[in-house]
Amino acid sequence: MRFDPGIGVAPVRQPLGFCYEPGAFGPQPERRSLDAIRPSLRDPACDGPDPVYAIVMDIGRGEIRAALERRMLLFGAVIYASGKLGTEPVRSQGHVHRVSSHSGWSPPEVYEIWEGAAFVLMQERVADDPGRCYAVIAKPGDVVVVPPGWAHAAISADPSEFMALGALCDREYNFDYDAIRRRKGLAWYPIVTPNGVIEWVPNPRYRKTSLDVRRPRDYAELGFVPGSSLYEQAVRNLDRFAWVSDPALCVDVWKHFEP
């Protein structure tokens, strides 16, 4: 059964990108080449699909466009090619969000899986000790929340499939790749074994820690409504997501947050 995010924007596989239904808005896709993400891969000299993924930021339908702008929010989407990058599944390069000028926080991000299956890999910080590390495996319709300040990446959980996801972000999302590139990736690398199973190996440029692999939860404390797409929830009540651009509204939630 195909998941419909209700946003009026649909992923396209060839060439990688998106199409817009009447009444929907969004830019032409930016396509990330393999060369662009090599610095974050376990094997920077690997072969793989090129481009690796296509991304569009600030998308949706007209009915809440002005409200999103007032709230300093936007929706984005990414489609990833099928295949592998050497021994790794297709993936994003990983980033941290720079501190937003209007909130003073490195903002959180909300992922919603549209097609395929994904691991959302996240860690508390990009430092010798990366802190807590999680790989949240999600399927179409699942939502995964990355808390403020955490480094994160989206990784295909099934390299035989294309993967597409939507995201709800602060309008000043500002991807910062530098710290992750200096350590040649996040604290854990996903490896596709010969039988197609994904295993995790530590990045030796960090102090070794444990990786908690889990399914997403319902995030009831953040106002999500089960059984409804992220965009449909925003149309009904955008105020429920005010914490995405104003994380201080949920400061107590972030103190002990688990994805």
Protein backbone atom coordinates (compact mmCIF):
# COMPACT_ATOMS: atom_id res chain seq x y z
CA MET A 1 0.00 0.00 0.00
CA ARG A 2 1.52 3.34 -1.09
CA PHE A 3 1.83 6.13 1.47
CA ASP A 4 0.38 9.50 0.45
CA PRO A 5 1.96 12.42 2.35
CA GLY A 6 -0.85 14.70 1.12
CA ILE A 7 1.54 17.49 0.21
CA GLY A 8 1.01 17.55 -3.56
CA VAL A 9 4.66 16.73 -4.27
CA ALA A 10 5.68 13.31 -5.61
CA PRO A 11 9.15 11.77 -6.02
CA VAL A 12 10.37 10.90 -9.53
CA ARG A 13 12.97 8.19 -10.11
CA GLN A 14 14.30 9.07 -13.57
CA PRO A 15 15.85 11.55 -13.45
CA LEU A 16 15.89 11.85 -9.67
CA GLY A 17 13.59 14.67 -8.66
CA PHE A 18 10.01 15.66 -7.89
CA CYS A 19 6.83 16.62 -9.69
CA TYR A 20 4.25 19.10 -8.43
CA GLU A 21 0.49 18.71 -8.58
CA PRO A 22 -1.67 21.73 -9.49
CA GLY A 23 -1.72 24.10 -6.53
CA ALA A 24 1.58 22.84 -5.12
CA PHE A 25 4.78 24.89 -5.00
CA GLY A 26 8.47 24.10 -4.82
CA PRO A 27 11.83 24.64 -6.53
CA GLN A 28 13.71 22.62 -9.10
CA PRO A 29 15.64 19.83 -7.36
CA GLU A 30 19.27 20.10 -6.36
CA ARG A 31 21.06 16.84 -7.20
CA ARG A 32 23.93 15.74 -4.95
CA SER A 33 26.74 14.06 -6.87
CA LEU A 34 28.77 11.18 -5.51
CA ASP A 35 31.83 13.44 -5.45
CA ALA A 36 29.98 15.87 -3.17
CA ILE A 37 29.41 13.29 -0.45
CA ARG A 38 32.65 11.30 -0.69
CA PRO A 39 34.23 13.06 2.34
CA SER A 40 31.60 11.50 4.66
CA LEU A 41 31.85 7.92 3.35
CA ARG A 42 33.79 4.99 4.78
CA ASP A 43 35.45 4.52 1.39
CA PRO A 44 35.70 7.93 -0.30
CA ALA A 45 37.03 6.28 -3.50
CA CYS A 46 34.01 3.99 -3.89
CA ASP A 47 31.74 3.56 -6.89
CA GLY A 48 27.99 4.10 -6.71
CA PRO A 49 24.98 5.79 -8.28
CA ASP A 50 25.51 9.36 -9.42
CA PRO A 51 23.67 11.54 -8.51
CA VAL A 52 23.11 9.94 -5.12
CA TYR A 53 20.03 11.96 -4.20
CA ALA A 54 17.88 14.95 -5.15
CA ILE A 55 16.55 17.47 -2.66
CA VAL A 56 13.89 20.19 -2.70
CA MET A 57 13.37 22.66 0.15
CA ASP A 58 10.30 24.85 0.79
CA ILE A 59 7.53 22.78 -0.77
CA GLY A 60 3.81 22.29 -0.16
CA ARG A 61 0.36 23.42 -1.17
CA GLY A 62 -0.81 26.99 -1.16
CA GLU A 63 -3.23 26.83 1.78
CA ILE A 64 -0.58 27.11 4.53
CA ARG A 65 2.31 28.69 2.63
CA ALA A 66 1.99 32.09 4.32
CA ALA A 67 1.49 30.47 7.74
CA LEU A 68 4.65 28.38 7.30
CA GLU A 69 6.61 31.52 6.47
CA ARG A 70 5.25 33.35 9.53
CA ARG A 71 6.17 30.39 11.73
CA MET A 72 9.69 30.20 10.21
CA LEU A 73 8.92 26.64 9.09
CA LEU A 74 9.23 24.77 5.82
CA PHE A 75 8.78 21.32 4.37
CA GLY A 76 11.43 19.64 2.25
CA ALA A 77 11.82 16.29 0.51
CA VAL A 78 14.61 14.02 -0.68
CA ILE A 79 14.68 11.05 -3.06
CA TYR A 80 17.63 8.67 -2.98
CA ALA A 81 18.83 6.37 -5.74
CA SER A 82 18.80 2.64 -5.22
CA GLY A 83 22.12 0.82 -4.89
CA LYS A 84 25.26 1.02 -2.78
CA LEU A 85 28.19 3.37 -2.23
CA GLY A 86 30.93 0.80 -2.07
CA THR A 87 29.85 -1.43 0.82
CA GLU A 88 27.52 1.20 2.30
CA PRO A 89 23.86 1.61 1.34
CA VAL A 90 22.93 4.84 -0.43
CA ARG A 91 22.79 7.59 2.16
CA SER A 92 23.02 11.30 2.88
CA GLN A 93 26.34 12.73 3.97
CA GLY A 94 25.19 13.73 7.46
CA HIS A 95 24.93 17.22 8.92
CA VAL A 96 24.29 19.38 11.96
CA HIS A 97 21.99 22.40 11.79
CA ARG A 98 23.66 25.72 12.43
CA VAL A 99 22.21 27.90 15.17
CA SER A 100 19.15 29.80 13.94
CA SER A 101 19.31 33.57 14.28
CA HIS A 102 15.69 33.88 15.40
CA SER A 103 15.67 31.13 18.06
CA GLY A 104 19.29 30.85 19.22
CA TRP A 105 19.04 27.05 18.87
CA SER A 106 20.43 24.49 16.47
CA PRO A 107 16.94 23.41 15.39
CA PRO A 108 15.40 19.92 15.46
CA GLU A 109 14.18 18.16 12.33
CA VAL A 110 11.24 15.86 11.67
CA TYR A 111 11.54 13.13 9.05
CA GLU A 112 8.62 11.30 7.45
CA ILE A 113 9.35 8.27 5.26
CA TRP A 114 7.46 8.26 1.95
CA GLU A 115 8.95 5.33 0.00
CA GLY A 116 11.34 2.49 0.78
CA ALA A 117 12.80 2.04 4.24
CA ALA A 118 15.27 4.24 6.07
CA PHE A 119 17.62 4.35 9.00
CA VAL A 120 17.85 7.78 10.59
CA LEU A 121 21.28 7.70 12.22
CA MET A 122 21.83 10.32 14.92
CA GLN A 123 24.33 11.17 17.63
CA GLU A 124 24.45 13.82 20.33
CA ARG A 125 27.57 15.61 19.11
CA VAL A 126 30.47 15.51 16.66
CA ALA A 127 33.37 15.17 19.10
CA ASP A 128 35.76 12.50 20.37
CA ASP A 129 32.90 11.24 22.52
CA PRO A 130 29.79 11.31 20.26
CA GLY A 131 27.44 10.66 23.17
CA ARG A 132 24.33 8.57 22.65
CA CYS A 133 23.96 7.09 19.17
CA TYR A 134 20.76 5.75 17.61
CA ALA A 135 19.78 4.18 14.31
CA VAL A 136 16.00 4.46 14.00
CA ILE A 137 14.60 2.20 11.28
CA ALA A 138 11.45 3.58 9.69
CA LYS A 139 9.02 2.58 6.94
CA PRO A 140 6.51 4.62 4.86
CA GLY A 141 4.30 6.74 7.10
CA ASP A 142 6.69 6.60 10.06
CA VAL A 143 7.95 9.82 11.65
CA VAL A 144 11.38 10.24 13.28
CA VAL A 145 12.35 13.28 15.35
CA VAL A 146 15.97 14.45 15.52
CA PRO A 147 16.41 16.66 18.60
CA PRO A 148 18.14 20.07 18.59
CA GLY A 149 21.89 20.09 18.01
CA TRP A 150 22.27 16.41 17.13
CA ALA A 151 24.22 15.26 14.05
CA HIS A 152 22.21 13.02 11.76
CA ALA A 153 21.96 11.29 8.39
CA ALA A 154 19.33 9.37 6.41
CA ILE A 155 20.41 5.93 5.15
CA SER A 156 18.61 3.46 2.92
CA ALA A 157 17.63 0.33 4.84
CA ASP A 158 17.06 -1.58 1.58
CA PRO A 159 19.58 -0.78 -1.19
CA SER A 160 17.46 -2.58 -3.78
CA GLU A 161 14.79 0.15 -3.45
CA PHE A 162 14.60 3.88 -4.05
CA MET A 163 14.00 5.79 -0.83
CA ALA A 164 12.07 9.05 -0.44
CA LEU A 165 11.30 11.11 2.63
CA GLY A 166 9.80 14.40 3.66
CA ALA A 167 11.07 16.71 6.39
CA LEU A 168 9.71 19.55 8.51
CA CYS A 169 12.44 22.06 9.36
CA ASP A 170 13.18 25.50 10.70
CA ARG A 171 13.29 27.91 7.76
CA GLU A 172 16.90 28.66 8.78
CA TYR A 173 17.84 24.97 8.61
CA ASN A 174 21.44 25.68 7.36
CA PHE A 175 23.23 22.36 6.89
CA ASP A 176 26.74 22.23 8.40
CA TYR A 177 28.86 19.36 7.06
CA ASP A 178 32.34 20.45 8.12
CA ALA A 179 32.76 18.71 11.49
CA ILE A 180 31.42 15.43 10.13
CA ARG A 181 33.67 15.57 7.07
CA ARG A 182 36.72 16.13 9.31
CA ARG A 183 35.95 12.80 10.98
CA LYS A 184 35.01 11.15 7.68
CA GLY A 185 31.43 10.52 8.73
CA LEU A 186 29.30 9.93 11.79
CA ALA A 187 30.32 7.59 14.61
CA TRP A 188 28.91 4.47 12.91
CA TYR A 189 29.03 3.20 9.32
CA PRO A 190 26.29 0.99 7.83
CA ILE A 191 27.71 -1.96 5.86
CA VAL A 192 25.72 -4.17 3.51
CA THR A 193 26.77 -7.79 4.07
CA PRO A 194 26.92 -10.32 1.19
CA ASN A 195 23.46 -11.61 2.18
CA GLY A 196 21.97 -8.10 2.05
CA VAL A 197 21.76 -7.45 5.80
CA ILE A 198 22.93 -4.08 7.14
CA GLU A 199 25.47 -4.26 9.94
CA TRP A 200 27.09 -1.38 11.81
CA VAL A 201 30.82 -0.80 12.30
CA PRO A 202 32.35 1.99 14.40
CA ASN A 203 34.17 4.93 12.86
CA PRO A 204 37.66 4.79 14.46
CA ARG A 205 37.87 8.60 14.47
CA TYR A 206 35.50 8.65 17.47
CA ARG A 207 35.74 7.08 20.88
CA LYS A 208 33.82 3.82 20.57
CA THR A 209 30.33 3.86 22.01
CA SER A 210 27.23 1.70 21.67
CA LEU A 211 24.60 2.04 18.95
CA ASP A 212 20.93 1.62 19.86
CA VAL A 213 18.96 0.31 16.84
CA ARG A 214 15.22 0.77 17.32
CA ARG A 215 11.86 1.55 15.73
CA PRO A 216 10.39 5.05 16.05
CA ARG A 217 7.85 5.84 18.75
CA ASP A 218 4.75 8.07 18.67
CA TYR A 219 6.28 11.26 20.20
CA ALA A 220 2.97 12.03 21.89
CA GLU A 221 4.65 14.67 24.07
CA LEU A 222 5.38 16.68 20.89
CA GLY A 223 1.78 16.75 19.68
CA PHE A 224 1.81 14.23 16.82
CA VAL A 225 -1.45 12.58 15.77
CA PRO A 226 -1.15 8.89 14.73
CA GLY A 227 -2.62 7.86 11.39
CA SER A 228 -2.30 11.26 9.71
CA SER A 229 0.52 12.53 7.51
CA LEU A 230 2.81 15.27 8.78
CA TYR A 231 1.53 17.76 6.22
CA GLU A 232 -2.13 16.99 6.96
CA GLN A 233 -1.47 17.56 10.66
CA ALA A 234 0.15 20.90 9.83
CA VAL A 235 -2.85 21.96 7.72
CA ARG A 236 -5.22 21.19 10.59
CA ASN A 237 -3.15 22.92 13.26
CA LEU A 238 0.26 24.33 12.44
CA ASP A 239 0.65 25.58 16.01
CA ARG A 240 1.26 21.99 17.11
CA PHE A 241 4.68 22.20 15.40
CA ALA A 242 5.75 25.60 16.75
CA TRP A 243 8.56 23.83 18.66
CA VAL A 244 10.38 23.00 15.39
CA SER A 245 11.34 26.66 14.88
CA ASP A 246 11.15 27.55 18.61
CA PRO A 247 12.75 24.58 20.43
CA ALA A 248 12.69 26.42 23.75
CA LEU A 249 8.96 25.63 23.92
CA CYS A 250 9.94 22.01 24.67
CA VAL A 251 13.12 22.56 26.63
CA ASP A 252 12.14 19.94 29.24
CA VAL A 253 11.46 17.37 26.51
CA TRP A 254 14.95 17.77 25.03
CA LYS A 255 16.73 17.23 28.35
CA HIS A 256 16.07 13.48 28.35
CA PHE A 257 14.94 12.93 24.78
CA GLU A 258 15.03 9.49 23.17
CA PRO A 259 14.06 9.02 19.50
